[in-house]
Amino acid sequence: METDVVNDRPDDTQARARASEETETRAGEAAPAPNADDAAAAEPLLAAADAAVTDVPPAADVDYKDRWLRAEADLQNFRRRAQRDVEEARRNAEERVLLEIVAAIDDLERALDSARAAGAAEAYIEGVQLVARRLAEYLARQGVTAIDPTGEPFDPRFHEALLEVPAGEGARPGDVVQVALKGYRRGERALRAARVVVARRGDGA
């Protein structure tokens, strides 16, 4: 058996070169040669993969401008609906407060009627009138006005009919002949419909 001897001296470069060449030769002899059968078996798989890729249909053309326009229209509609909802909620909240003030005015007016009937002191009556007037002025600043439809045709938007009575002298069928509870309106909306008595024909028709 032959033994390769490598000189350990640092300047023995020829010995180190011969040792490196022998190591590369042994590594090349130990590596197995490629198997032709394995390569042949892999070819059908690669061909099938290439066919699958080429068989994918091309993506259809997308009209991105049309999609953008539709999305923009939906967004504008949503904003308008949200704005309407906010305004409706605000108006409802305001009207609830205004109705409480209307109810307070009703109580003050009933108190005035009772005070006058009982012969109360004029100073007391004037004080109650002042409070009622201040509340009415606040309602006026909020666009609320009282409804007194006596003698006017019945309007279901602002009037609530309690009953019908035969039309008296000078009253036409369908006219309001009496107001049981004063109404209030705010713009084109009824804050509280007036409760009224409506005239009808004397024969009940």
C-alpha atoms as a PDB file:
ATOM      1  CA  MET A   1       0.000   0.000   0.000  1.00  0.00           C
ATOM      2  CA  GLU A   2       1.380   3.347  -1.016  1.00  0.00           C
ATOM      3  CA  THR A   3       1.335   6.218   1.416  1.00  0.00           C
ATOM      4  CA  ASP A   4       1.270   9.844   0.327  1.00  0.00           C
ATOM      5  CA  VAL A   5       3.541  11.914   2.379  1.00  0.00           C
ATOM      6  CA  VAL A   6       2.965  15.653   2.491  1.00  0.00           C
ATOM      7  CA  ASN A   7       5.718  17.854   3.698  1.00  0.00           C
ATOM      8  CA  ASP A   8       4.468  19.957   6.601  1.00  0.00           C
ATOM      9  CA  ARG A   9       6.775  22.770   5.872  1.00  0.00           C
ATOM     10  CA  PRO A  10       5.015  26.031   4.992  1.00  0.00           C
ATOM     11  CA  ASP A  11       7.128  26.571   1.862  1.00  0.00           C
ATOM     12  CA  ASP A  12       6.365  23.139   0.381  1.00  0.00           C
ATOM     13  CA  THR A  13       3.728  24.446  -2.069  1.00  0.00           C
ATOM     14  CA  GLN A  14       4.231  21.653  -4.600  1.00  0.00           C
ATOM     15  CA  ALA A  15       3.276  19.007  -2.036  1.00  0.00           C
ATOM     16  CA  ARG A  16       0.083  20.848  -1.116  1.00  0.00           C
ATOM     17  CA  ALA A  17      -0.891  21.204  -4.798  1.00  0.00           C
ATOM     18  CA  ARG A  18      -0.403  17.467  -5.409  1.00  0.00           C
ATOM     19  CA  ALA A  19      -2.556  16.632  -2.367  1.00  0.00           C
ATOM     20  CA  SER A  20      -5.386  18.923  -3.611  1.00  0.00           C
ATOM     21  CA  GLU A  21      -5.344  17.327  -7.096  1.00  0.00           C
ATOM     22  CA  GLU A  22      -5.558  13.822  -5.618  1.00  0.00           C
ATOM     23  CA  THR A  23      -8.537  14.847  -3.410  1.00  0.00           C
ATOM     24  CA  GLU A  24     -10.485  16.256  -6.407  1.00  0.00           C
ATOM     25  CA  THR A  25      -9.768  13.080  -8.422  1.00  0.00           C
ATOM     26  CA  ARG A  26     -11.107  10.826  -5.653  1.00  0.00           C
ATOM     27  CA  ALA A  27     -14.284  13.006  -5.260  1.00  0.00           C
ATOM     28  CA  GLY A  28     -14.974  12.777  -9.024  1.00  0.00           C
ATOM     29  CA  GLU A  29     -14.585   8.990  -8.971  1.00  0.00           C
ATOM     30  CA  ALA A  30     -16.979   8.646  -5.968  1.00  0.00           C
ATOM     31  CA  ALA A  31     -19.828  10.816  -7.469  1.00  0.00           C
ATOM     32  CA  PRO A  32     -22.387   8.634  -9.307  1.00  0.00           C
ATOM     33  CA  ALA A  33     -23.143   9.366 -12.963  1.00  0.00           C
ATOM     34  CA  PRO A  34     -26.597  10.751 -13.832  1.00  0.00           C
ATOM     35  CA  ASN A  35     -29.233   8.074 -14.374  1.00  0.00           C
ATOM     36  CA  ALA A  36     -30.714   8.248 -17.879  1.00  0.00           C
ATOM     37  CA  ASP A  37     -33.920   6.478 -16.765  1.00  0.00           C
ATOM     38  CA  ASP A  38     -34.669   9.150 -14.146  1.00  0.00           C
ATOM     39  CA  ALA A  39     -34.253  11.907 -16.727  1.00  0.00           C
ATOM     40  CA  ALA A  40     -36.565  10.141 -19.130  1.00  0.00           C
ATOM     41  CA  ALA A  41     -39.221   9.679 -16.439  1.00  0.00           C
ATOM     42  CA  ALA A  42     -39.136  13.379 -15.552  1.00  0.00           C
ATOM     43  CA  GLU A  43     -39.685  14.571 -19.138  1.00  0.00           C
ATOM     44  CA  PRO A  44     -43.464  13.687 -19.283  1.00  0.00           C
ATOM     45  CA  LEU A  45     -44.078  15.497 -15.983  1.00  0.00           C
ATOM     46  CA  LEU A  46     -42.372  18.651 -17.254  1.00  0.00           C
ATOM     47  CA  ALA A  47     -44.318  18.482 -20.497  1.00  0.00           C
ATOM     48  CA  ALA A  48     -47.626  18.132 -18.599  1.00  0.00           C
ATOM     49  CA  ALA A  49     -46.785  21.121 -16.423  1.00  0.00           C
ATOM     50  CA  ASP A  50     -45.984  23.229 -19.478  1.00  0.00           C
ATOM     51  CA  ALA A  51     -49.281  22.198 -21.093  1.00  0.00           C
ATOM     52  CA  ALA A  52     -51.242  23.121 -17.944  1.00  0.00           C
ATOM     53  CA  VAL A  53     -49.688  26.561 -17.916  1.00  0.00           C
ATOM     54  CA  THR A  54     -50.415  27.197 -21.587  1.00  0.00           C
ATOM     55  CA  ASP A  55     -54.056  25.953 -21.223  1.00  0.00           C
ATOM     56  CA  VAL A  56     -54.979  28.698 -18.671  1.00  0.00           C
ATOM     57  CA  PRO A  57     -57.464  31.062 -20.400  1.00  0.00           C
ATOM     58  CA  PRO A  58     -56.450  34.726 -20.490  1.00  0.00           C
ATOM     59  CA  ALA A  59     -58.103  37.034 -17.965  1.00  0.00           C
ATOM     60  CA  ALA A  60     -61.119  38.933 -19.295  1.00  0.00           C
ATOM     61  CA  ASP A  61     -60.797  42.675 -19.761  1.00  0.00           C
ATOM     62  CA  VAL A  62     -62.077  44.587 -16.691  1.00  0.00           C
ATOM     63  CA  ASP A  63     -63.685  47.995 -17.097  1.00  0.00           C
ATOM     64  CA  TYR A  64     -62.090  49.661 -14.127  1.00  0.00           C
ATOM     65  CA  LYS A  65     -63.541  53.073 -15.016  1.00  0.00           C
ATOM     66  CA  ASP A  66     -67.099  51.720 -14.886  1.00  0.00           C
ATOM     67  CA  ARG A  67     -66.390  50.072 -11.547  1.00  0.00           C
ATOM     68  CA  TRP A  68     -64.959  53.321 -10.200  1.00  0.00           C
ATOM     69  CA  LEU A  69     -67.989  55.308 -11.363  1.00  0.00           C
ATOM     70  CA  ARG A  70     -70.379  52.833  -9.732  1.00  0.00           C
ATOM     71  CA  ALA A  71     -68.433  52.880  -6.475  1.00  0.00           C
ATOM     72  CA  GLU A  72     -68.390  56.690  -6.508  1.00  0.00           C
ATOM     73  CA  ALA A  73     -72.179  56.802  -7.073  1.00  0.00           C
ATOM     74  CA  ASP A  74     -72.760  54.365  -4.206  1.00  0.00           C
ATOM     75  CA  LEU A  75     -70.572  56.486  -1.943  1.00  0.00           C
ATOM     76  CA  GLN A  76     -72.465  59.674  -2.820  1.00  0.00           C
ATOM     77  CA  ASN A  77     -75.818  57.964  -2.165  1.00  0.00           C
ATOM     78  CA  PHE A  78     -74.565  56.716   1.195  1.00  0.00           C
ATOM     79  CA  ARG A  79     -73.415  60.212   2.153  1.00  0.00           C
ATOM     80  CA  ARG A  80     -76.785  61.710   1.233  1.00  0.00           C
ATOM     81  CA  ARG A  81     -78.679  59.070   3.206  1.00  0.00           C
ATOM     82  CA  ALA A  82     -76.414  59.581   6.207  1.00  0.00           C
ATOM     83  CA  GLN A  83     -76.912  63.358   6.018  1.00  0.00           C
ATOM     84  CA  ARG A  84     -80.700  62.932   5.865  1.00  0.00           C
ATOM     85  CA  ASP A  85     -80.622  60.590   8.841  1.00  0.00           C
ATOM     86  CA  VAL A  86     -78.568  63.080  10.859  1.00  0.00           C
ATOM     87  CA  GLU A  87     -80.910  65.946  10.003  1.00  0.00           C
ATOM     88  CA  GLU A  88     -83.991  63.866  10.797  1.00  0.00           C
ATOM     89  CA  ALA A  89     -82.563  62.816  14.168  1.00  0.00           C
ATOM     90  CA  ARG A  90     -81.671  66.434  15.002  1.00  0.00           C
ATOM     91  CA  ARG A  91     -85.128  67.674  14.009  1.00  0.00           C
ATOM     92  CA  ASN A  92     -86.850  64.983  16.051  1.00  0.00           C
ATOM     93  CA  ALA A  93     -84.759  65.853  19.106  1.00  0.00           C
ATOM     94  CA  GLU A  94     -85.576  69.554  18.731  1.00  0.00           C
ATOM     95  CA  GLU A  95     -89.287  68.876  18.282  1.00  0.00           C
ATOM     96  CA  ARG A  96     -89.422  66.771  21.439  1.00  0.00           C
ATOM     97  CA  VAL A  97     -88.092  69.742  23.423  1.00  0.00           C
ATOM     98  CA  LEU A  98     -90.445  72.164  21.674  1.00  0.00           C
ATOM     99  CA  LEU A  99     -93.431  69.946  22.449  1.00  0.00           C
ATOM    100  CA  GLU A 100     -92.505  70.049  26.131  1.00  0.00           C
ATOM    101  CA  ILE A 101     -92.564  73.862  25.954  1.00  0.00           C
ATOM    102  CA  VAL A 102     -95.944  73.741  24.183  1.00  0.00           C
ATOM    103  CA  ALA A 103     -97.308  71.560  26.978  1.00  0.00           C
ATOM    104  CA  ALA A 104     -96.004  74.079  29.547  1.00  0.00           C
ATOM    105  CA  ILE A 105     -97.791  76.907  27.701  1.00  0.00           C
ATOM    106  CA  ASP A 106    -101.013  74.861  27.762  1.00  0.00           C
ATOM    107  CA  ASP A 107    -100.710  74.516  31.532  1.00  0.00           C
ATOM    108  CA  LEU A 108    -100.068  78.229  31.964  1.00  0.00           C
ATOM    109  CA  GLU A 109    -103.067  79.143  29.836  1.00  0.00           C
ATOM    110  CA  ARG A 110    -105.300  76.838  31.875  1.00  0.00           C
ATOM    111  CA  ALA A 111    -103.887  78.392  35.042  1.00  0.00           C
ATOM    112  CA  LEU A 112    -104.763  81.845  33.700  1.00  0.00           C
ATOM    113  CA  ASP A 113    -108.338  80.801  32.933  1.00  0.00           C
ATOM    114  CA  SER A 114    -108.725  79.371  36.433  1.00  0.00           C
ATOM    115  CA  ALA A 115    -107.170  82.463  38.030  1.00  0.00           C
ATOM    116  CA  ARG A 116    -109.504  84.806  36.186  1.00  0.00           C
ATOM    117  CA  ALA A 117    -112.521  82.659  37.051  1.00  0.00           C
ATOM    118  CA  ALA A 118    -111.490  82.642  40.708  1.00  0.00           C
ATOM    119  CA  GLY A 119    -110.864  86.394  40.772  1.00  0.00           C
ATOM    120  CA  ALA A 120    -107.145  86.108  41.526  1.00  0.00           C
ATOM    121  CA  ALA A 121    -105.003  89.165  42.055  1.00  0.00           C
ATOM    122  CA  GLU A 122    -104.029  91.027  38.924  1.00  0.00           C
ATOM    123  CA  ALA A 123    -100.344  90.840  39.820  1.00  0.00           C
ATOM    124  CA  TYR A 124    -100.522  87.040  39.872  1.00  0.00           C
ATOM    125  CA  ILE A 125    -102.264  86.957  36.488  1.00  0.00           C
ATOM    126  CA  GLU A 126     -99.709  89.315  34.975  1.00  0.00           C
ATOM    127  CA  GLY A 127     -96.842  87.149  36.252  1.00  0.00           C
ATOM    128  CA  VAL A 128     -98.262  84.017  34.694  1.00  0.00           C
ATOM    129  CA  GLN A 129     -98.935  85.879  31.458  1.00  0.00           C
ATOM    130  CA  LEU A 130     -95.330  87.053  31.386  1.00  0.00           C
ATOM    131  CA  VAL A 131     -94.010  83.502  31.679  1.00  0.00           C
ATOM    132  CA  ALA A 132     -96.368  82.236  28.973  1.00  0.00           C
ATOM    133  CA  ARG A 133     -95.392  85.128  26.701  1.00  0.00           C
ATOM    134  CA  ARG A 134     -91.671  84.456  27.146  1.00  0.00           C
ATOM    135  CA  LEU A 135     -92.146  80.807  26.200  1.00  0.00           C
ATOM    136  CA  ALA A 136     -94.233  81.753  23.172  1.00  0.00           C
ATOM    137  CA  GLU A 137     -91.511  84.167  22.041  1.00  0.00           C
ATOM    138  CA  TYR A 138     -88.915  81.413  22.275  1.00  0.00           C
ATOM    139  CA  LEU A 139     -91.108  79.152  20.125  1.00  0.00           C
ATOM    140  CA  ALA A 140     -91.446  81.958  17.584  1.00  0.00           C
ATOM    141  CA  ARG A 141     -87.646  82.255  17.370  1.00  0.00           C
ATOM    142  CA  GLN A 142     -87.529  78.540  16.590  1.00  0.00           C
ATOM    143  CA  GLY A 143     -90.037  78.986  13.762  1.00  0.00           C
ATOM    144  CA  VAL A 144     -93.024  77.626  15.699  1.00  0.00           C
ATOM    145  CA  THR A 145     -96.378  79.377  15.343  1.00  0.00           C
ATOM    146  CA  ALA A 146     -99.768  78.662  16.882  1.00  0.00           C
ATOM    147  CA  ILE A 147    -102.626  77.309  14.756  1.00  0.00           C
ATOM    148  CA  ASP A 148    -106.109  78.719  15.229  1.00  0.00           C
ATOM    149  CA  PRO A 149    -108.110  77.363  12.276  1.00  0.00           C
ATOM    150  CA  THR A 150    -111.564  78.537  13.356  1.00  0.00           C
ATOM    151  CA  GLY A 151    -113.616  79.214  10.233  1.00  0.00           C
ATOM    152  CA  GLU A 152    -111.007  77.665   7.922  1.00  0.00           C
ATOM    153  CA  PRO A 153    -111.451  74.511   5.834  1.00  0.00           C
ATOM    154  CA  PHE A 154    -110.327  71.318   7.538  1.00  0.00           C
ATOM    155  CA  ASP A 155    -106.716  70.423   6.625  1.00  0.00           C
ATOM    156  CA  PRO A 156    -105.651  66.906   7.641  1.00  0.00           C
ATOM    157  CA  ARG A 157    -101.991  67.975   7.633  1.00  0.00           C
ATOM    158  CA  PHE A 158    -102.492  70.365  10.542  1.00  0.00           C
ATOM    159  CA  HIS A 159    -105.906  69.471  12.001  1.00  0.00           C
ATOM    160  CA  GLU A 160    -107.244  66.489  13.901  1.00  0.00           C
ATOM    161  CA  ALA A 161    -111.032  66.153  13.803  1.00  0.00           C
ATOM    162  CA  LEU A 162    -112.595  65.142  17.097  1.00  0.00           C
ATOM    163  CA  LEU A 163    -116.202  65.115  15.865  1.00  0.00           C
ATOM    164  CA  GLU A 164    -118.588  66.587  13.329  1.00  0.00           C
ATOM    165  CA  VAL A 165    -121.567  68.810  14.092  1.00  0.00           C
ATOM    166  CA  PRO A 166    -124.288  70.227  11.873  1.00  0.00           C
ATOM    167  CA  ALA A 167    -123.141  73.321  10.056  1.00  0.00           C
ATOM    168  CA  GLY A 168    -124.524  76.400  11.747  1.00  0.00           C
ATOM    169  CA  GLU A 169    -125.323  79.736  10.218  1.00  0.00           C
ATOM    170  CA  GLY A 170    -122.448  81.042   8.110  1.00  0.00           C
ATOM    171  CA  ALA A 171    -120.486  77.779   8.328  1.00  0.00           C
ATOM    172  CA  ARG A 172    -119.821  75.614   5.308  1.00  0.00           C
ATOM    173  CA  PRO A 173    -119.581  71.837   5.446  1.00  0.00           C
ATOM    174  CA  GLY A 174    -115.967  70.918   6.110  1.00  0.00           C
ATOM    175  CA  ASP A 175    -115.125  74.128   7.962  1.00  0.00           C
ATOM    176  CA  VAL A 176    -113.656  74.154  11.452  1.00  0.00           C
ATOM    177  CA  VAL A 177    -116.268  75.541  13.833  1.00  0.00           C
ATOM    178  CA  GLN A 178    -114.451  75.044  17.137  1.00  0.00           C
ATOM    179  CA  VAL A 179    -110.897  74.442  18.384  1.00  0.00           C
ATOM    180  CA  ALA A 180    -110.692  72.071  21.330  1.00  0.00           C
ATOM    181  CA  LEU A 181    -106.889  72.195  21.600  1.00  0.00           C
ATOM    182  CA  LYS A 182    -104.688  74.778  19.936  1.00  0.00           C
ATOM    183  CA  GLY A 183    -102.201  73.430  17.422  1.00  0.00           C
ATOM    184  CA  TYR A 184     -98.652  74.443  16.498  1.00  0.00           C
ATOM    185  CA  ARG A 185     -96.717  74.213  13.269  1.00  0.00           C
ATOM    186  CA  ARG A 186     -93.062  74.534  12.394  1.00  0.00           C
ATOM    187  CA  GLY A 187     -92.603  75.556   8.806  1.00  0.00           C
ATOM    188  CA  GLU A 188     -94.504  73.117   6.621  1.00  0.00           C
ATOM    189  CA  ARG A 189     -94.711  70.478   9.344  1.00  0.00           C
ATOM    190  CA  ALA A 190     -97.248  70.159  12.117  1.00  0.00           C
ATOM    191  CA  LEU A 191     -95.532  70.215  15.483  1.00  0.00           C
ATOM    192  CA  ARG A 192     -98.861  69.393  17.084  1.00  0.00           C
ATOM    193  CA  ALA A 193    -102.100  69.094  15.141  1.00  0.00           C
ATOM    194  CA  ALA A 194    -104.987  71.243  16.308  1.00  0.00           C
ATOM    195  CA  ARG A 195    -107.898  69.231  17.684  1.00  0.00           C
ATOM    196  CA  VAL A 196    -111.015  70.645  16.114  1.00  0.00           C
ATOM    197  CA  VAL A 197    -114.739  70.214  15.580  1.00  0.00           C
ATOM    198  CA  VAL A 198    -115.796  70.167  11.927  1.00  0.00           C
ATOM    199  CA  ALA A 199    -119.108  71.250  10.421  1.00  0.00           C
ATOM    200  CA  ARG A 200    -121.171  68.889   8.324  1.00  0.00           C
ATOM    201  CA  ARG A 201    -124.515  69.033   6.563  1.00  0.00           C
ATOM    202  CA  GLY A 202    -127.587  69.236   8.785  1.00  0.00           C
ATOM    203  CA  ASP A 203    -129.094  66.056   7.287  1.00  0.00           C
ATOM    204  CA  GLY A 204    -126.051  64.042   8.359  1.00  0.00           C
ATOM    205  CA  ALA A 205    -124.934  63.378   4.770  1.00  0.00           C
END
